[in-house]
Amino acid sequence: MTRREALRVGGAAALAGAAGCTALPSAPVQSGDDEGGGPVAVASFFSFFDFGRKIADGTPLTVENLVPTGFHGHGWDPNARITQRIIEADAFVHVGEDFQPWADRAIETIEGDDVDTALVNVREGIDLVDLAATLDRDEEGVGEQRGKDPHFWLDPRRARRSVDNIAEGFADIVPEHADAFRDNAETYKTDVLDRIDADYAAMFDRADRDIVQLAAHNAFQYIGVRYGVRMRPLVTNLAASGDVKPADIREAARVIRDNDIRYIANGVFEKQDPAQTLVRETGVEAYFPVTPYAGVREEWVAENWGYEEIAYNINMPTFEIVLGNETPEAAAPSPEWLEQWRNFDSI
């Protein structure tokens, strides 16, 4: 019996007994060529699950997303069944320390009990930018780079390195398919990430406005840094669960007034009350959706949306609107999109 098998029937069960125990929540899964019995990699965050399944395409490796559909990957706190699933897997794809506390705890279990689950850190070797000046003073950033913003994957160029990190991690656990992983990674970087980068650059170059007001948490700085726009978050911390203070509303109202802002962006998986307040109390006419690729809705899963589809169907139309490049009617991919997402309700 391997160490993982022993923990599967022993240690993980003990963990489950110490915490709430419910069924593993629904989440997107990408199967490999083999039906069961093949190697499995589990991912702690939707973006890197999506990268992973594209990298594993055409190989026996199955990639699973641990975050339930409808949940934001940063603020979610799972029960011990997730740790059990990680222990059972051949690899755990994670975002680096101090970003998801539950993932940090799972890694401590793996390392402390000498579990043979391979750890794939997507953040390894990636240069992070400083935390935005708008952050509360008690924000410290992440792990080995204190004072740094962890949301690097919103920058398609930085995301390229995480794709390479995943490909190399998969090559280590399934070396006979190393060439396929690396080839798929190169294709994804060229065909998807480079195209998204070019389309974002063209969009922001067309804009007369260089400021975007977000009724959302502080996750979009990398878009601003890469493309030369000032991202103004309303929730001034790194987690989507942060509270909005009256002073935050007053500052957002000032930015909206001073810059004649008519439309703002709001997080899909975040509270809508602050955005609704700005619509009522300022010159803002409406808010539209953005997401840091941290979670998925049921209909996105049904359509098999990933990082690419979310970029083109959610974030880009909204940025066209809030930058003033297009009217909402012209930017919306369809009339149904406009009906669904103009001043949308919380999921």
Protein backbone atom coordinates (compact mmCIF):
# COMPACT_ATOMS: atom_id res chain seq x y z
CA MET A 1 0.00 0.00 0.00
CA THR A 2 1.37 3.42 -0.97
CA ARG A 3 1.49 6.30 1.47
CA ARG A 4 -1.35 7.95 -0.46
CA GLU A 5 -3.49 4.82 -0.17
CA ALA A 6 -2.87 4.66 3.56
CA LEU A 7 -3.89 8.28 3.99
CA ARG A 8 -6.88 7.74 1.76
CA VAL A 9 -8.36 5.23 4.20
CA GLY A 10 -6.83 6.64 7.38
CA GLY A 11 -5.59 10.21 7.60
CA ALA A 12 -8.12 11.71 5.22
CA ALA A 13 -10.96 9.96 7.04
CA ALA A 14 -9.72 11.46 10.28
CA LEU A 15 -9.69 14.87 8.68
CA ALA A 16 -13.22 14.33 7.43
CA GLY A 17 -14.31 13.46 10.94
CA ALA A 18 -12.88 16.69 12.28
CA ALA A 19 -14.61 18.91 9.75
CA GLY A 20 -17.97 19.20 8.04
CA CYS A 21 -18.39 16.31 5.61
CA THR A 22 -20.55 16.76 2.52
CA ALA A 23 -20.38 15.34 -0.95
CA LEU A 24 -17.71 16.67 -3.25
CA PRO A 25 -19.38 19.70 -4.88
CA SER A 26 -20.02 19.85 -8.58
CA ALA A 27 -17.23 21.32 -10.64
CA PRO A 28 -16.02 21.10 -14.23
CA VAL A 29 -13.94 18.02 -15.05
CA GLN A 30 -11.84 17.34 -18.13
CA SER A 31 -11.31 13.64 -18.80
CA GLY A 32 -8.29 12.20 -20.53
CA ASP A 33 -8.39 9.56 -23.22
CA ASP A 34 -8.75 6.70 -20.75
CA GLU A 35 -12.01 6.05 -18.91
CA GLY A 36 -10.90 5.88 -15.28
CA GLY A 37 -7.78 4.41 -13.77
CA GLY A 38 -5.41 6.90 -15.39
CA PRO A 39 -3.40 9.68 -13.77
CA VAL A 40 -5.33 12.59 -12.23
CA ALA A 41 -4.38 16.20 -11.54
CA VAL A 42 -6.62 18.40 -9.40
CA ALA A 43 -6.56 22.21 -9.53
CA SER A 44 -7.29 24.70 -6.75
CA PHE A 45 -8.39 27.48 -9.08
CA PHE A 46 -10.53 27.60 -12.21
CA SER A 47 -8.07 29.43 -14.49
CA PHE A 48 -5.39 26.82 -13.96
CA PHE A 49 -7.83 23.94 -14.24
CA ASP A 50 -8.69 25.34 -17.65
CA PHE A 51 -5.04 25.74 -18.65
CA GLY A 52 -4.38 22.24 -17.36
CA ARG A 53 -7.14 20.56 -19.34
CA LYS A 54 -5.95 22.24 -22.55
CA ILE A 55 -2.38 21.09 -21.83
CA ALA A 56 -3.56 17.52 -21.10
CA ASP A 57 -5.73 17.27 -24.20
CA GLY A 58 -5.12 14.03 -26.09
CA THR A 59 -3.31 12.35 -23.18
CA PRO A 60 -4.54 9.91 -20.48
CA LEU A 61 -4.23 12.62 -17.78
CA THR A 62 -7.53 13.75 -16.26
CA VAL A 63 -7.70 17.28 -14.86
CA GLU A 64 -10.30 18.22 -12.25
CA ASN A 65 -11.39 21.57 -10.85
CA LEU A 66 -11.86 21.47 -7.07
CA VAL A 67 -13.82 24.73 -6.77
CA PRO A 68 -17.59 24.23 -7.01
CA THR A 69 -19.56 25.83 -9.81
CA GLY A 70 -20.86 29.23 -8.69
CA PHE A 71 -18.09 29.88 -6.15
CA HIS A 72 -15.23 32.34 -6.31
CA GLY A 73 -11.89 30.55 -6.07
CA HIS A 74 -10.34 32.95 -3.56
CA GLY A 75 -12.90 33.22 -0.78
CA TRP A 76 -14.15 29.62 -0.80
CA ASP A 77 -13.31 27.44 2.22
CA PRO A 78 -13.94 23.73 1.54
CA ASN A 79 -14.31 20.80 3.90
CA ALA A 80 -11.92 17.90 4.38
CA ARG A 81 -13.31 15.90 1.47
CA ILE A 82 -11.32 18.19 -0.80
CA THR A 83 -8.11 17.36 1.06
CA GLN A 84 -8.94 13.70 0.58
CA ARG A 85 -9.37 14.22 -3.14
CA ILE A 86 -6.01 16.02 -3.33
CA ILE A 87 -4.32 13.15 -1.50
CA GLU A 88 -5.83 10.68 -3.96
CA ALA A 89 -4.59 12.66 -6.99
CA ASP A 90 -1.26 12.33 -8.74
CA ALA A 91 -0.75 16.11 -8.84
CA PHE A 92 -2.12 19.23 -7.13
CA VAL A 93 -2.05 22.38 -9.25
CA HIS A 94 -2.09 25.41 -6.94
CA VAL A 95 -1.52 29.19 -7.03
CA GLY A 96 1.33 29.46 -4.53
CA GLU A 97 1.31 30.13 -0.82
CA ASP A 98 -0.82 32.65 1.06
CA PHE A 99 -3.50 32.96 -1.60
CA GLN A 100 -5.89 30.12 -0.75
CA PRO A 101 -5.52 29.14 2.92
CA TRP A 102 -7.25 25.80 2.38
CA ALA A 103 -4.75 24.92 -0.35
CA ASP A 104 -1.89 25.85 1.99
CA ARG A 105 -3.30 23.47 4.61
CA ALA A 106 -3.60 20.68 2.06
CA ILE A 107 0.03 21.21 1.02
CA GLU A 108 1.12 21.04 4.66
CA THR A 109 -0.67 17.69 4.94
CA ILE A 110 0.98 16.40 1.77
CA GLU A 111 4.46 17.50 2.82
CA GLY A 112 4.09 16.62 6.50
CA ASP A 113 2.82 13.10 5.84
CA ASP A 114 5.11 12.44 2.88
CA VAL A 115 2.21 11.95 0.47
CA ASP A 116 3.35 11.32 -3.10
CA THR A 117 0.99 13.85 -4.69
CA ALA A 118 3.15 16.10 -6.89
CA LEU A 119 2.83 19.82 -6.22
CA VAL A 120 2.61 22.11 -9.26
CA ASN A 121 3.01 25.79 -8.31
CA VAL A 122 1.70 27.85 -11.21
CA ARG A 123 3.22 31.05 -9.77
CA GLU A 124 6.80 29.81 -9.78
CA GLY A 125 9.18 32.21 -11.53
CA ILE A 126 6.54 34.86 -12.23
CA ASP A 127 7.35 38.50 -11.48
CA LEU A 128 4.56 40.06 -9.43
CA VAL A 129 3.72 43.75 -9.27
CA ASP A 130 3.41 45.74 -6.05
CA LEU A 131 0.07 45.87 -4.31
CA ALA A 132 -2.08 48.75 -5.52
CA ALA A 133 -1.81 51.92 -3.50
CA THR A 134 -5.57 51.74 -2.91
CA LEU A 135 -5.23 48.67 -0.69
CA ASP A 136 -5.86 48.86 3.01
CA ARG A 137 -2.71 49.13 5.08
CA ASP A 138 -3.19 45.71 6.62
CA GLU A 139 -2.92 43.99 3.23
CA GLU A 140 0.39 42.16 2.98
CA GLY A 141 0.28 40.36 -0.35
CA VAL A 142 1.42 36.83 -0.89
CA GLY A 143 3.95 34.36 0.46
CA GLU A 144 7.46 34.60 -0.82
CA GLN A 145 6.75 38.02 -2.32
CA ARG A 146 5.25 40.04 0.52
CA GLY A 147 3.64 43.25 -0.63
CA LYS A 148 2.92 41.79 -4.07
CA ASP A 149 -0.39 41.35 -5.91
CA PRO A 150 -1.12 37.65 -6.63
CA HIS A 151 -3.61 38.11 -9.52
CA PHE A 152 -0.96 37.75 -12.24
CA TRP A 153 -3.04 35.51 -14.56
CA LEU A 154 -5.18 38.46 -15.65
CA ASP A 155 -2.13 39.55 -17.64
CA PRO A 156 -2.01 37.11 -20.59
CA ARG A 157 1.75 37.51 -20.90
CA ARG A 158 2.37 36.48 -17.31
CA ALA A 159 -0.19 33.70 -17.71
CA ARG A 160 2.08 32.19 -20.38
CA ARG A 161 4.63 31.27 -17.69
CA SER A 162 1.98 29.51 -15.61
CA VAL A 163 1.08 27.41 -18.66
CA ASP A 164 4.72 26.35 -18.92
CA ASN A 165 4.80 25.56 -15.19
CA ILE A 166 1.77 23.30 -15.55
CA ALA A 167 3.17 21.57 -18.62
CA GLU A 168 6.44 20.79 -16.84
CA GLY A 169 4.58 19.57 -13.77
CA PHE A 170 2.48 17.23 -15.88
CA ALA A 171 5.60 16.04 -17.73
CA ASP A 172 7.11 15.02 -14.40
CA ILE A 173 4.16 12.82 -13.42
CA VAL A 174 3.44 11.37 -16.89
CA PRO A 175 6.84 11.57 -18.62
CA GLU A 176 5.81 9.39 -21.56
CA HIS A 177 3.49 12.24 -22.66
CA ALA A 178 5.90 15.11 -21.94
CA ASP A 179 6.15 16.11 -25.60
CA ALA A 180 2.36 16.28 -25.92
CA PHE A 181 2.05 18.47 -22.82
CA ARG A 182 4.71 20.86 -24.06
CA ASP A 183 3.30 21.00 -27.58
CA ASN A 184 -0.20 21.70 -26.26
CA ALA A 185 1.20 24.42 -24.01
CA GLU A 186 2.93 26.14 -26.93
CA THR A 187 -0.23 25.95 -29.02
CA TYR A 188 -2.35 27.40 -26.21
CA LYS A 189 0.06 30.26 -25.57
CA THR A 190 0.22 31.18 -29.24
CA ASP A 191 -3.38 30.59 -30.30
CA VAL A 192 -5.16 31.82 -27.15
CA LEU A 193 -3.08 33.90 -24.77
CA ASP A 194 -1.21 35.85 -27.43
CA ARG A 195 -4.46 36.57 -29.26
CA ILE A 196 -6.17 37.75 -26.07
CA ASP A 197 -3.18 39.96 -25.33
CA ALA A 198 -3.29 41.52 -28.81
CA ASP A 199 -7.06 42.10 -28.64
CA TYR A 200 -6.84 43.66 -25.18
CA ALA A 201 -4.00 45.91 -26.34
CA ALA A 202 -5.99 47.07 -29.37
CA MET A 203 -9.05 47.74 -27.21
CA PHE A 204 -7.21 49.84 -24.66
CA ASP A 205 -5.28 51.67 -27.40
CA ARG A 206 -8.59 52.76 -28.95
CA ALA A 207 -9.86 54.19 -25.68
CA ASP A 208 -9.93 57.92 -24.94
CA ARG A 209 -10.55 57.12 -21.28
CA ASP A 210 -7.69 55.85 -19.10
CA ILE A 211 -9.67 55.10 -15.93
CA VAL A 212 -12.11 52.30 -15.10
CA GLN A 213 -14.27 52.29 -11.97
CA LEU A 214 -14.92 48.81 -10.62
CA ALA A 215 -17.62 48.05 -8.07
CA ALA A 216 -15.53 44.98 -7.33
CA HIS A 217 -12.53 43.78 -5.36
CA ASN A 218 -8.92 44.61 -6.08
CA ALA A 219 -8.14 41.90 -8.65
CA PHE A 220 -7.68 43.77 -11.93
CA GLN A 221 -4.49 45.71 -11.41
CA TYR A 222 -2.57 43.53 -13.87
CA ILE A 223 -4.91 44.58 -16.68
CA GLY A 224 -4.18 48.20 -15.81
CA VAL A 225 -0.43 47.68 -15.56
CA ARG A 226 -0.20 45.80 -18.85
CA TYR A 227 -2.41 48.09 -20.93
CA GLY A 228 -1.93 51.50 -19.34
CA VAL A 229 -5.26 52.12 -17.65
CA ARG A 230 -6.07 53.03 -14.05
CA MET A 231 -8.23 50.40 -12.40
CA ARG A 232 -10.19 51.84 -9.47
CA PRO A 233 -11.58 49.06 -7.24
CA LEU A 234 -14.38 49.74 -4.81
CA VAL A 235 -13.53 46.91 -2.42
CA THR A 236 -10.01 47.79 -1.32
CA ASN A 237 -8.69 44.36 -0.41
CA LEU A 238 -7.57 41.24 -2.24
CA ALA A 239 -10.55 39.02 -1.42
CA ALA A 240 -13.98 39.20 -3.03
CA SER A 241 -15.60 39.02 0.41
CA GLY A 242 -14.26 42.39 1.58
CA ASP A 243 -16.63 44.97 3.03
CA VAL A 244 -17.38 48.30 1.37
CA LYS A 245 -16.92 51.29 3.65
CA PRO A 246 -18.83 54.59 3.29
CA ALA A 247 -15.52 56.24 2.50
CA ASP A 248 -15.06 53.81 -0.42
CA ILE A 249 -18.43 54.83 -1.84
CA ARG A 250 -17.60 58.53 -1.46
CA GLU A 251 -14.24 58.08 -3.22
CA ALA A 252 -15.86 56.11 -6.05
CA ALA A 253 -18.50 58.84 -6.42
CA ARG A 254 -15.73 61.44 -6.71
CA VAL A 255 -13.91 59.44 -9.40
CA ILE A 256 -17.18 58.97 -11.30
CA ARG A 257 -17.99 62.69 -11.11
CA ASP A 258 -14.50 63.94 -11.97
CA ASN A 259 -14.19 61.59 -14.96
CA ASP A 260 -17.77 61.75 -16.23
CA ILE A 261 -18.13 57.97 -15.95
CA ARG A 262 -21.44 56.57 -17.21
CA TYR A 263 -20.78 52.84 -16.89
CA ILE A 264 -18.87 50.78 -14.34
CA ALA A 265 -17.82 47.15 -14.02
CA ASN A 266 -18.83 44.77 -11.25
CA GLY A 267 -17.66 41.31 -10.24
CA VAL A 268 -19.86 38.41 -11.31
CA PHE A 269 -19.34 36.53 -8.05
CA GLU A 270 -19.49 39.54 -5.74
CA LYS A 271 -22.16 41.54 -3.93
CA GLN A 272 -24.23 43.80 -6.15
CA ASP A 273 -25.38 46.24 -3.44
CA PRO A 274 -22.40 48.62 -3.80
CA ALA A 275 -22.83 48.81 -7.58
CA GLN A 276 -26.55 49.43 -7.16
CA THR A 277 -25.75 52.22 -4.69
CA LEU A 278 -23.51 53.91 -7.26
CA VAL A 279 -26.24 53.63 -9.90
CA ARG A 280 -28.73 55.27 -7.54
CA GLU A 281 -26.51 57.96 -6.09
CA THR A 282 -24.16 59.00 -8.92
CA GLY A 283 -24.25 59.66 -12.65
CA VAL A 284 -23.62 55.98 -13.41
CA GLU A 285 -26.32 54.58 -15.67
CA ALA A 286 -25.50 50.89 -15.33
CA TYR A 287 -22.94 48.29 -14.32
CA PHE A 288 -21.74 45.31 -16.37
CA PRO A 289 -19.88 42.08 -15.53
CA VAL A 290 -16.19 41.34 -15.10
CA THR A 291 -14.51 38.34 -13.54
CA PRO A 292 -10.88 37.49 -12.71
CA TYR A 293 -11.47 33.98 -14.10
CA ALA A 294 -11.87 32.73 -10.54
CA GLY A 295 -15.08 30.74 -10.93
CA VAL A 296 -17.81 29.65 -13.33
CA ARG A 297 -21.58 29.71 -13.58
CA GLU A 298 -23.69 26.69 -14.47
CA GLU A 299 -24.42 27.96 -17.97
CA TRP A 300 -20.70 28.54 -18.59
CA VAL A 301 -20.02 24.93 -17.67
CA ALA A 302 -22.80 23.82 -20.00
CA GLU A 303 -21.11 25.79 -22.81
CA ASN A 304 -17.66 24.47 -21.79
CA TRP A 305 -16.32 27.99 -21.30
CA GLY A 306 -12.76 28.49 -20.15
CA TYR A 307 -10.37 31.41 -19.78
CA GLU A 308 -10.65 32.23 -23.49
CA GLU A 309 -14.44 32.20 -23.68
CA ILE A 310 -14.84 34.21 -20.49
CA ALA A 311 -12.39 36.82 -21.81
CA TYR A 312 -14.34 37.29 -25.03
CA ASN A 313 -17.90 36.88 -23.70
CA ILE A 314 -17.69 38.65 -20.32
CA ASN A 315 -14.63 40.83 -19.73
CA MET A 316 -13.97 42.28 -23.16
CA PRO A 317 -17.53 43.46 -23.90
CA THR A 318 -17.66 45.13 -20.49
CA PHE A 319 -14.31 46.85 -20.93
CA GLU A 320 -15.44 48.15 -24.33
CA ILE A 321 -18.44 49.69 -22.58
CA VAL A 322 -16.74 51.16 -19.51
CA LEU A 323 -13.87 52.56 -21.60
CA GLY A 324 -16.42 54.33 -23.79
CA ASN A 325 -15.27 52.56 -26.96
CA GLU A 326 -18.75 51.24 -27.69
CA THR A 327 -22.30 51.76 -26.50
CA PRO A 328 -23.69 48.86 -24.48
CA GLU A 329 -25.87 47.90 -27.45
CA ALA A 330 -22.90 47.81 -29.83
CA ALA A 331 -20.51 46.03 -27.44
CA ALA A 332 -22.91 43.33 -26.28
CA PRO A 333 -22.37 40.00 -28.09
CA SER A 334 -26.16 39.65 -28.32
CA PRO A 335 -29.38 41.36 -27.16
CA GLU A 336 -29.76 38.51 -24.65
CA TRP A 337 -26.34 39.35 -23.17
CA LEU A 338 -27.40 42.94 -22.62
CA GLU A 339 -30.66 41.88 -21.00
CA GLN A 340 -28.89 39.42 -18.69
CA TRP A 341 -25.90 41.51 -17.67
CA ARG A 342 -27.05 45.13 -17.50
CA ASN A 343 -27.41 45.74 -13.72
CA PHE A 344 -27.32 41.96 -13.16
CA ASP A 345 -28.37 40.35 -9.89
CA SER A 346 -26.11 38.28 -7.64
CA ILE A 347 -25.90 34.61 -8.55
